[in-house]
């Protein structure tokens, strides 16, 4: 497990509140234009505003909730999902689906499943470089290292 993700109505307020609660500092806030599919196959073009906490090996992920999309905040909480590293994203997605835990959010290099008790699970591909999060990769993996100071989010098209 390497992150717990939160969807909040206002990212600045959410960052302040989690900083007050847990004493965490935050990386720069990013904005990314993405297309996501929900569990019904509907496409959502969204502008996602997000950040991760500083520190390793565990992080908080936070984004500004987008109602009516897969990035909406859960009904009674800001907790959205738990992310964990996997060597083979396709195999892990198949494994989760074999347990009856469907993919409810998908996009470029992302798959979030509704798991046991409704808990959302995000298997994260160790082969996908995330330059500004390199310090959060496991130490024995190819992308582990200091975060890219350029702030590059994702080198893959």
Protein backbone atom coordinates (compact mmCIF):
# COMPACT_ATOMS: atom_id res chain seq x y z
CA UNK A 1 0.00 0.00 0.00
CA UNK A 2 1.45 3.38 -0.91
CA UNK A 3 -1.40 5.90 -0.77
CA UNK A 4 -4.84 6.69 0.56
CA UNK A 5 -6.86 9.00 -1.69
CA UNK A 6 -9.34 11.69 -0.71
CA UNK A 7 -11.86 13.61 -2.83
CA UNK A 8 -12.61 17.00 -1.25
CA UNK A 9 -14.86 19.92 -2.23
CA UNK A 10 -11.98 22.45 -2.03
CA UNK A 11 -8.37 21.27 -2.37
CA UNK A 12 -6.87 24.18 -0.40
CA UNK A 13 -9.23 23.58 2.54
CA UNK A 14 -8.68 19.81 2.31
CA UNK A 15 -4.89 20.24 2.32
CA UNK A 16 -5.11 22.51 5.36
CA UNK A 17 -7.44 20.12 7.23
CA UNK A 18 -5.30 17.03 6.61
CA UNK A 19 -2.17 19.02 7.49
CA UNK A 20 -3.81 20.00 10.78
CA UNK A 21 -4.90 16.40 11.45
CA UNK A 22 -1.72 14.55 10.44
CA UNK A 23 1.04 17.17 10.23
CA UNK A 24 1.73 16.50 6.55
CA UNK A 25 3.23 18.82 3.95
CA UNK A 26 2.13 18.84 0.32
CA UNK A 27 3.74 18.67 -3.11
CA UNK A 28 2.71 21.34 -5.65
CA UNK A 29 -0.90 21.18 -6.84
CA UNK A 30 -1.27 19.92 -10.44
CA UNK A 31 -4.06 20.08 -12.99
CA UNK A 32 -4.49 17.33 -15.57
CA UNK A 33 -7.04 16.93 -18.35
CA UNK A 34 -8.14 13.28 -18.42
CA UNK A 35 -10.87 11.09 -19.84
CA UNK A 36 -12.24 8.49 -17.44
CA UNK A 37 -14.77 5.71 -17.90
CA UNK A 38 -17.18 4.94 -15.09
CA UNK A 39 -18.58 1.51 -14.20
CA UNK A 40 -21.35 1.90 -16.79
CA UNK A 41 -18.90 2.69 -19.61
CA UNK A 42 -19.82 6.39 -19.70
CA UNK A 43 -16.97 8.70 -20.65
CA UNK A 44 -16.12 11.76 -18.54
CA UNK A 45 -13.69 14.45 -19.73
CA UNK A 46 -12.49 16.16 -16.55
CA UNK A 47 -9.96 18.69 -15.42
CA UNK A 48 -8.54 17.12 -12.27
CA UNK A 49 -6.83 19.33 -9.66
CA UNK A 50 -4.71 17.12 -7.40
CA UNK A 51 -1.68 16.74 -5.18
CA UNK A 52 0.17 14.22 -3.03
CA UNK A 53 1.71 14.63 0.39
CA UNK A 54 5.47 14.88 0.86
CA UNK A 55 7.24 11.96 2.47
CA UNK A 56 7.65 8.30 1.88
CA UNK A 57 7.00 5.40 1.78
CA UNK A 58 3.32 6.27 2.32
CA UNK A 59 1.35 9.21 0.91
CA UNK A 60 -2.01 10.93 0.92
CA UNK A 61 -3.46 11.73 -2.50
CA UNK A 62 -6.02 14.52 -2.70
CA UNK A 63 -8.07 16.01 -5.50
CA UNK A 64 -10.91 18.44 -5.85
CA UNK A 65 -14.07 16.36 -6.19
CA UNK A 66 -15.96 16.58 -9.47
CA UNK A 67 -19.64 15.70 -8.84
CA UNK A 68 -21.27 13.41 -11.38
CA UNK A 69 -17.95 11.81 -12.40
CA UNK A 70 -15.80 8.96 -11.08
CA UNK A 71 -13.88 11.67 -9.17
CA UNK A 72 -16.90 12.65 -7.05
CA UNK A 73 -16.57 12.49 -3.29
CA UNK A 74 -18.18 9.44 -1.67
CA UNK A 75 -21.59 10.22 -0.16
CA UNK A 76 -20.61 10.29 3.52
CA UNK A 77 -16.82 10.60 3.48
CA UNK A 78 -13.84 12.10 1.69
CA UNK A 79 -12.02 8.72 1.56
CA UNK A 80 -12.10 7.56 -2.07
CA UNK A 81 -9.63 4.65 -2.47
CA UNK A 82 -6.45 2.90 -1.36
CA UNK A 83 -3.61 2.55 -3.87
CA UNK A 84 -1.07 -0.27 -3.87
CA UNK A 85 1.83 -1.29 -6.12
CA UNK A 86 1.61 -4.25 -8.52
CA UNK A 87 4.06 -5.76 -11.01
CA UNK A 88 1.37 -6.55 -13.59
CA UNK A 89 -1.64 -4.22 -13.78
CA UNK A 90 -3.58 -6.39 -16.26
CA UNK A 91 -3.13 -9.52 -14.14
CA UNK A 92 -4.17 -7.71 -10.97
CA UNK A 93 -7.23 -6.23 -12.68
CA UNK A 94 -8.23 -9.75 -13.78
CA UNK A 95 -7.63 -11.08 -10.25
CA UNK A 96 -9.85 -8.40 -8.69
CA UNK A 97 -12.59 -9.01 -11.24
CA UNK A 98 -12.42 -12.78 -10.58
CA UNK A 99 -13.34 -11.99 -6.96
CA UNK A 100 -16.39 -10.06 -8.19
CA UNK A 101 -14.82 -6.64 -7.60
CA UNK A 102 -15.63 -4.65 -10.76
CA UNK A 103 -13.61 -1.86 -12.29
CA UNK A 104 -15.57 1.33 -11.57
CA UNK A 105 -13.06 3.93 -12.83
CA UNK A 106 -10.70 3.43 -15.75
CA UNK A 107 -8.52 5.62 -17.89
CA UNK A 108 -5.01 5.82 -19.27
CA UNK A 109 -2.96 3.57 -16.96
CA UNK A 110 -5.59 3.59 -14.19
CA UNK A 111 -8.10 1.07 -12.90
CA UNK A 112 -10.03 1.48 -9.66
CA UNK A 113 -12.16 -1.42 -8.43
CA UNK A 114 -14.97 -1.64 -5.90
CA UNK A 115 -13.60 -4.26 -3.53
CA UNK A 116 -14.63 -5.91 -0.27
CA UNK A 117 -17.27 -4.00 1.65
CA UNK A 118 -17.36 -1.35 -1.07
CA UNK A 119 -13.75 -0.32 -0.41
CA UNK A 120 -12.23 1.18 -3.56
CA UNK A 121 -8.87 -0.35 -4.61
CA UNK A 122 -6.36 1.11 -7.08
CA UNK A 123 -3.63 -1.27 -8.22
CA UNK A 124 -0.77 0.94 -9.45
CA UNK A 125 1.63 -0.23 -12.15
CA UNK A 126 5.27 -0.32 -10.99
CA UNK A 127 6.33 -0.08 -14.66
CA UNK A 128 4.67 3.34 -15.14
CA UNK A 129 7.05 6.13 -14.18
CA UNK A 130 5.58 8.98 -12.15
CA UNK A 131 8.47 11.47 -12.06
CA UNK A 132 7.17 13.73 -9.29
CA UNK A 133 6.41 10.67 -7.10
CA UNK A 134 9.62 8.65 -7.55
CA UNK A 135 10.38 8.75 -3.83
CA UNK A 136 7.15 6.81 -3.21
CA UNK A 137 8.14 3.82 -5.36
CA UNK A 138 9.53 0.80 -3.49
CA UNK A 139 13.34 1.13 -3.15
CA UNK A 140 14.07 -2.02 -5.18
CA UNK A 141 12.18 -0.86 -8.31
CA UNK A 142 13.46 0.91 -11.47
CA UNK A 143 11.64 4.23 -10.92
CA UNK A 144 12.61 4.73 -7.25
CA UNK A 145 14.64 7.85 -6.56
CA UNK A 146 14.41 11.55 -5.94
CA UNK A 147 11.31 13.27 -7.34
CA UNK A 148 11.85 15.04 -10.66
CA UNK A 149 12.33 18.72 -9.81
CA UNK A 150 10.72 19.75 -13.11
CA UNK A 151 7.33 18.73 -11.73
CA UNK A 152 6.67 16.35 -14.64
CA UNK A 153 3.53 14.35 -13.88
CA UNK A 154 3.57 11.48 -16.33
CA UNK A 155 6.02 10.92 -19.21
CA UNK A 156 3.70 8.52 -21.04
CA UNK A 157 1.41 9.88 -23.78
